Amino acid sequence: MPDRRSSLAPFRNETFRVIWAASLISNFGGLIQSVGAAWMMASITSSANMVALVQASTSLPIMLFSVAAGALADNFDRRKLMLTAQCFMLAVAIGLTLCTWYGVITPWLLLTFT
């Protein structure tokens, strides 16, 4: 007899709904940041390679640090580790905002922040 559970059944669990919504919003924000960075790079340089490097710079940290991040998550309090990472990303976002606001953003600085 086939199982007739709905594919939406997990949404009955409040914890699942909250985590799913947070993940959706976070991923959407990441996409917006990626498009914004590529757009900014296209506006400050005419090099197609630099615009392509923006996309590479969003993937490179995942490739380089995922194993180390997993080891850290296994050995330290995950909540504190996540809060530290979020505070670091907030500081980077503020730095990028200030550099852009004051007009000192360069292609390499944008890549560094991205």
N, C-alpha and C. Protein backbone atom coordinates (compact mmCIF):
# COMPACT_ATOMS: atom_id res chain seq x y z
N MET A 1 0.83 -1.17 0.00
CA MET A 1 0.00 0.00 0.00
C MET A 1 0.89 1.25 0.00
N PRO A 2 0.67 2.18 -0.91
CA PRO A 2 1.50 3.38 -0.97
C PRO A 2 1.27 4.31 0.21
N ASP A 3 2.32 4.99 0.60
CA ASP A 3 2.25 5.95 1.69
C ASP A 3 1.63 7.25 1.15
N ARG A 4 0.54 7.70 1.73
CA ARG A 4 -0.19 8.86 1.21
C ARG A 4 0.05 10.12 2.02
N ARG A 5 1.21 10.24 2.62
CA ARG A 5 1.52 11.45 3.36
C ARG A 5 1.79 12.60 2.39
N SER A 6 1.41 13.75 2.81
CA SER A 6 1.61 14.94 1.98
C SER A 6 3.06 15.37 2.02
N SER A 7 3.53 15.93 0.92
CA SER A 7 4.90 16.46 0.91
C SER A 7 4.99 17.73 1.76
N LEU A 8 3.85 18.29 2.14
CA LEU A 8 3.83 19.48 3.00
C LEU A 8 3.70 19.13 4.48
N ALA A 9 3.69 17.85 4.79
CA ALA A 9 3.52 17.41 6.18
C ALA A 9 4.57 17.99 7.14
N PRO A 10 5.83 18.15 6.74
CA PRO A 10 6.81 18.73 7.68
C PRO A 10 6.45 20.14 8.15
N PHE A 11 5.67 20.87 7.35
CA PHE A 11 5.31 22.22 7.74
C PHE A 11 4.33 22.26 8.92
N ARG A 12 3.84 21.13 9.34
CA ARG A 12 3.00 21.09 10.54
C ARG A 12 3.84 21.28 11.80
N ASN A 13 5.13 21.05 11.70
CA ASN A 13 6.05 21.20 12.82
C ASN A 13 6.56 22.64 12.84
N GLU A 14 6.33 23.34 13.96
CA GLU A 14 6.70 24.76 14.05
C GLU A 14 8.21 24.98 13.91
N THR A 15 9.01 24.12 14.50
CA THR A 15 10.47 24.26 14.40
C THR A 15 10.91 24.16 12.95
N PHE A 16 10.36 23.20 12.22
CA PHE A 16 10.69 23.06 10.81
C PHE A 16 10.31 24.31 10.04
N ARG A 17 9.12 24.86 10.29
CA ARG A 17 8.67 26.06 9.58
C ARG A 17 9.60 27.25 9.84
N VAL A 18 10.02 27.41 11.08
CA VAL A 18 10.89 28.53 11.43
C VAL A 18 12.25 28.38 10.76
N ILE A 19 12.84 27.20 10.84
CA ILE A 19 14.14 26.97 10.22
C ILE A 19 14.05 27.09 8.71
N TRP A 20 12.99 26.57 8.12
CA TRP A 20 12.79 26.65 6.67
C TRP A 20 12.66 28.11 6.23
N ALA A 21 11.88 28.90 6.95
CA ALA A 21 11.69 30.31 6.61
C ALA A 21 13.00 31.08 6.76
N ALA A 22 13.74 30.82 7.83
CA ALA A 22 15.02 31.50 8.05
C ALA A 22 16.00 31.16 6.94
N SER A 23 16.03 29.91 6.54
CA SER A 23 16.91 29.48 5.46
C SER A 23 16.52 30.13 4.14
N LEU A 24 15.23 30.19 3.87
CA LEU A 24 14.74 30.82 2.65
C LEU A 24 15.14 32.29 2.60
N ILE A 25 14.92 33.00 3.69
CA ILE A 25 15.26 34.43 3.75
C ILE A 25 16.76 34.63 3.63
N SER A 26 17.54 33.80 4.30
CA SER A 26 18.99 33.91 4.23
C SER A 26 19.51 33.66 2.82
N ASN A 27 19.00 32.63 2.17
CA ASN A 27 19.43 32.34 0.80
C ASN A 27 19.02 33.45 -0.16
N PHE A 28 17.84 33.99 0.03
CA PHE A 28 17.38 35.09 -0.80
C PHE A 28 18.29 36.31 -0.61
N GLY A 29 18.66 36.61 0.63
CA GLY A 29 19.57 37.71 0.91
C GLY A 29 20.94 37.49 0.28
N GLY A 30 21.42 36.25 0.32
CA GLY A 30 22.70 35.94 -0.32
C GLY A 30 22.66 36.15 -1.83
N LEU A 31 21.55 35.77 -2.43
CA LEU A 31 21.40 36.00 -3.87
C LEU A 31 21.37 37.48 -4.21
N ILE A 32 20.66 38.25 -3.40
CA ILE A 32 20.60 39.70 -3.61
C ILE A 32 21.99 40.31 -3.48
N GLN A 33 22.75 39.88 -2.48
CA GLN A 33 24.10 40.40 -2.28
C GLN A 33 24.99 40.03 -3.46
N SER A 34 24.86 38.84 -3.97
CA SER A 34 25.67 38.39 -5.10
C SER A 34 25.37 39.21 -6.35
N VAL A 35 24.11 39.43 -6.63
CA VAL A 35 23.72 40.23 -7.80
C VAL A 35 24.17 41.67 -7.61
N GLY A 36 24.00 42.21 -6.41
CA GLY A 36 24.43 43.57 -6.13
C GLY A 36 25.93 43.75 -6.29
N ALA A 37 26.71 42.77 -5.84
CA ALA A 37 28.16 42.86 -5.97
C ALA A 37 28.58 42.79 -7.44
N ALA A 38 27.93 41.89 -8.20
CA ALA A 38 28.25 41.80 -9.64
C ALA A 38 27.87 43.10 -10.35
N TRP A 39 26.74 43.67 -9.98
CA TRP A 39 26.31 44.94 -10.58
C TRP A 39 27.28 46.06 -10.23
N MET A 40 27.70 46.11 -8.97
CA MET A 40 28.68 47.12 -8.54
C MET A 40 29.98 46.95 -9.31
N MET A 41 30.43 45.71 -9.46
CA MET A 41 31.68 45.47 -10.19
C MET A 41 31.54 45.91 -11.65
N ALA A 42 30.39 45.64 -12.26
CA ALA A 42 30.16 46.06 -13.64
C ALA A 42 30.13 47.57 -13.76
N SER A 43 29.75 48.27 -12.69
CA SER A 43 29.67 49.73 -12.76
C SER A 43 31.02 50.40 -12.47
N ILE A 44 31.95 49.70 -11.79
CA ILE A 44 33.24 50.33 -11.49
C ILE A 44 34.36 49.87 -12.40
N THR A 45 34.13 48.83 -13.20
CA THR A 45 35.14 48.38 -14.16
C THR A 45 34.45 47.81 -15.39
N SER A 46 35.15 47.84 -16.50
CA SER A 46 34.58 47.30 -17.73
C SER A 46 35.11 45.90 -18.02
N SER A 47 35.87 45.34 -17.12
CA SER A 47 36.45 44.02 -17.31
C SER A 47 35.43 42.92 -17.00
N ALA A 48 35.17 42.10 -18.01
CA ALA A 48 34.25 40.97 -17.80
C ALA A 48 34.86 39.96 -16.84
N ASN A 49 36.19 39.85 -16.83
CA ASN A 49 36.84 38.91 -15.91
C ASN A 49 36.62 39.31 -14.45
N MET A 50 36.64 40.59 -14.17
CA MET A 50 36.42 41.04 -12.79
C MET A 50 34.99 40.75 -12.35
N VAL A 51 34.04 40.92 -13.26
CA VAL A 51 32.64 40.60 -12.92
C VAL A 51 32.51 39.10 -12.67
N ALA A 52 33.19 38.29 -13.46
CA ALA A 52 33.15 36.84 -13.26
C ALA A 52 33.82 36.45 -11.94
N LEU A 53 34.85 37.18 -11.56
CA LEU A 53 35.53 36.90 -10.29
C LEU A 53 34.62 37.13 -9.08
N VAL A 54 33.64 38.01 -9.23
CA VAL A 54 32.68 38.22 -8.13
C VAL A 54 31.95 36.91 -7.85
N GLN A 55 31.51 36.23 -8.89
CA GLN A 55 30.81 34.96 -8.70
C GLN A 55 31.74 33.91 -8.12
N ALA A 56 32.98 33.90 -8.58
CA ALA A 56 33.95 32.95 -8.03
C ALA A 56 34.23 33.24 -6.57
N SER A 57 34.27 34.53 -6.21
CA SER A 57 34.58 34.88 -4.82
C SER A 57 33.47 34.51 -3.85
N THR A 58 32.26 34.30 -4.36
CA THR A 58 31.19 33.87 -3.47
C THR A 58 31.27 32.36 -3.21
N SER A 59 31.87 31.61 -4.13
CA SER A 59 31.97 30.15 -3.97
C SER A 59 33.28 29.70 -3.35
N LEU A 60 34.32 30.47 -3.56
CA LEU A 60 35.65 30.07 -3.10
C LEU A 60 35.74 29.82 -1.59
N PRO A 61 35.20 30.70 -0.74
CA PRO A 61 35.29 30.42 0.70
C PRO A 61 34.61 29.11 1.11
N ILE A 62 33.54 28.75 0.45
CA ILE A 62 32.86 27.49 0.76
C ILE A 62 33.78 26.32 0.44
N MET A 63 34.43 26.38 -0.71
CA MET A 63 35.34 25.30 -1.10
C MET A 63 36.55 25.23 -0.18
N LEU A 64 37.06 26.39 0.24
CA LEU A 64 38.28 26.40 1.04
C LEU A 64 38.06 26.07 2.51
N PHE A 65 36.95 26.54 3.07
CA PHE A 65 36.78 26.47 4.52
C PHE A 65 35.73 25.49 5.01
N SER A 66 35.07 24.75 4.14
CA SER A 66 33.98 23.88 4.60
C SER A 66 34.46 22.76 5.51
N VAL A 67 35.58 22.15 5.20
CA VAL A 67 36.09 21.06 6.04
C VAL A 67 36.51 21.60 7.40
N ALA A 68 37.23 22.74 7.40
CA ALA A 68 37.65 23.34 8.66
C ALA A 68 36.45 23.80 9.48
N ALA A 69 35.44 24.34 8.82
CA ALA A 69 34.24 24.78 9.53
C ALA A 69 33.52 23.60 10.16
N GLY A 70 33.49 22.48 9.46
CA GLY A 70 32.88 21.27 10.03
C GLY A 70 33.63 20.79 11.25
N ALA A 71 34.95 20.83 11.19
CA ALA A 71 35.76 20.43 12.35
C ALA A 71 35.52 21.37 13.52
N LEU A 72 35.45 22.67 13.25
CA LEU A 72 35.17 23.63 14.32
C LEU A 72 33.80 23.39 14.93
N ALA A 73 32.81 23.11 14.08
CA ALA A 73 31.45 22.87 14.56
C ALA A 73 31.38 21.61 15.42
N ASP A 74 32.22 20.64 15.12
CA ASP A 74 32.23 19.41 15.92
C ASP A 74 32.93 19.59 17.26
N ASN A 75 33.84 20.56 17.35
CA ASN A 75 34.66 20.70 18.56
C ASN A 75 34.27 21.85 19.47
N PHE A 76 33.45 22.77 19.00
CA PHE A 76 33.08 23.93 19.79
C PHE A 76 31.57 24.08 19.85
N ASP A 77 31.12 24.94 20.74
CA ASP A 77 29.70 25.22 20.88
C ASP A 77 29.19 25.85 19.57
N ARG A 78 28.29 25.16 18.91
CA ARG A 78 27.82 25.61 17.60
C ARG A 78 27.11 26.94 17.65
N ARG A 79 26.39 27.20 18.73
CA ARG A 79 25.68 28.47 18.86
C ARG A 79 26.66 29.64 18.90
N LYS A 80 27.69 29.51 19.72
CA LYS A 80 28.70 30.58 19.82
C LYS A 80 29.47 30.72 18.51
N LEU A 81 29.76 29.61 17.88
CA LEU A 81 30.47 29.65 16.60
C LEU A 81 29.63 30.35 15.54
N MET A 82 28.33 30.05 15.50
CA MET A 82 27.44 30.68 14.53
C MET A 82 27.29 32.18 14.82
N LEU A 83 27.16 32.54 16.08
CA LEU A 83 27.06 33.96 16.43
C LEU A 83 28.34 34.71 16.06
N THR A 84 29.49 34.08 16.26
CA THR A 84 30.76 34.69 15.88
C THR A 84 30.82 34.89 14.37
N ALA A 85 30.42 33.88 13.62
CA ALA A 85 30.43 33.98 12.15
C ALA A 85 29.46 35.07 11.68
N GLN A 86 28.29 35.14 12.29
CA GLN A 86 27.31 36.16 11.90
C GLN A 86 27.81 37.56 12.23
N CYS A 87 28.46 37.72 13.37
CA CYS A 87 29.04 39.04 13.73
C CYS A 87 30.15 39.42 12.77
N PHE A 88 30.96 38.45 12.36
CA PHE A 88 32.01 38.72 11.38
C PHE A 88 31.40 39.16 10.05
N MET A 89 30.35 38.46 9.60
CA MET A 89 29.71 38.83 8.34
C MET A 89 29.05 40.20 8.44
N LEU A 90 28.52 40.55 9.61
CA LEU A 90 27.96 41.88 9.82
C LEU A 90 29.05 42.94 9.71
N ALA A 91 30.21 42.68 10.30
CA ALA A 91 31.32 43.63 10.23
C ALA A 91 31.79 43.81 8.79
N VAL A 92 31.86 42.73 8.04
CA VAL A 92 32.26 42.81 6.62
C VAL A 92 31.23 43.61 5.83
N ALA A 93 29.95 43.37 6.09
CA ALA A 93 28.89 44.10 5.38
C ALA A 93 28.94 45.60 5.71
N ILE A 94 29.20 45.92 6.97
CA ILE A 94 29.33 47.34 7.36
C ILE A 94 30.54 47.96 6.68
N GLY A 95 31.66 47.23 6.64
CA GLY A 95 32.86 47.74 5.96
C GLY A 95 32.61 47.98 4.49
N LEU A 96 31.94 47.05 3.82
CA LEU A 96 31.61 47.22 2.40
C LEU A 96 30.68 48.40 2.19
N THR A 97 29.71 48.55 3.07
CA THR A 97 28.77 49.66 2.98
C THR A 97 29.49 51.00 3.12
N LEU A 98 30.36 51.10 4.12
CA LEU A 98 31.08 52.36 4.36
C LEU A 98 32.03 52.70 3.20
N CYS A 99 32.74 51.70 2.70
CA CYS A 99 33.65 51.96 1.57
C CYS A 99 32.87 52.40 0.34
N THR A 100 31.72 51.81 0.12
CA THR A 100 30.89 52.20 -1.03
C THR A 100 30.31 53.59 -0.80
N TRP A 101 29.83 53.86 0.40
CA TRP A 101 29.22 55.15 0.73
C TRP A 101 30.21 56.30 0.53
N TYR A 102 31.46 56.09 0.96
CA TYR A 102 32.46 57.13 0.86
C TYR A 102 33.19 57.13 -0.51
N GLY A 103 32.81 56.23 -1.40
CA GLY A 103 33.34 56.23 -2.75
C GLY A 103 34.77 55.74 -2.89
N VAL A 104 35.23 54.92 -1.95
CA VAL A 104 36.60 54.43 -2.01
C VAL A 104 36.66 52.97 -2.47
N ILE A 105 35.54 52.44 -2.93
CA ILE A 105 35.50 51.04 -3.35
C ILE A 105 36.28 50.86 -4.65
N THR A 106 37.11 49.84 -4.69
CA THR A 106 37.86 49.48 -5.89
C THR A 106 37.47 48.04 -6.26
N PRO A 107 37.77 47.61 -7.48
CA PRO A 107 37.43 46.22 -7.83
C PRO A 107 38.04 45.19 -6.88
N TRP A 108 39.29 45.36 -6.51
CA TRP A 108 39.91 44.37 -5.63
C TRP A 108 39.37 44.45 -4.20
N LEU A 109 39.03 45.63 -3.76
CA LEU A 109 38.42 45.78 -2.44
C LEU A 109 37.04 45.12 -2.42
N LEU A 110 36.29 45.30 -3.50
CA LEU A 110 34.98 44.65 -3.60
C LEU A 110 35.12 43.13 -3.58
N LEU A 111 36.09 42.61 -4.29
CA LEU A 111 36.33 41.16 -4.27
C LEU A 111 36.71 40.68 -2.87
N THR A 112 37.53 41.47 -2.18
CA THR A 112 37.94 41.09 -0.83
C THR A 112 36.74 41.03 0.10
N PHE A 113 35.87 42.03 0.04
CA PHE A 113 34.69 42.02 0.89
C PHE A 113 33.69 40.93 0.48
N THR A 114 33.60 40.67 -0.80
CA THR A 114 32.65 39.65 -1.27
C THR A 114 33.11 38.27 -0.89
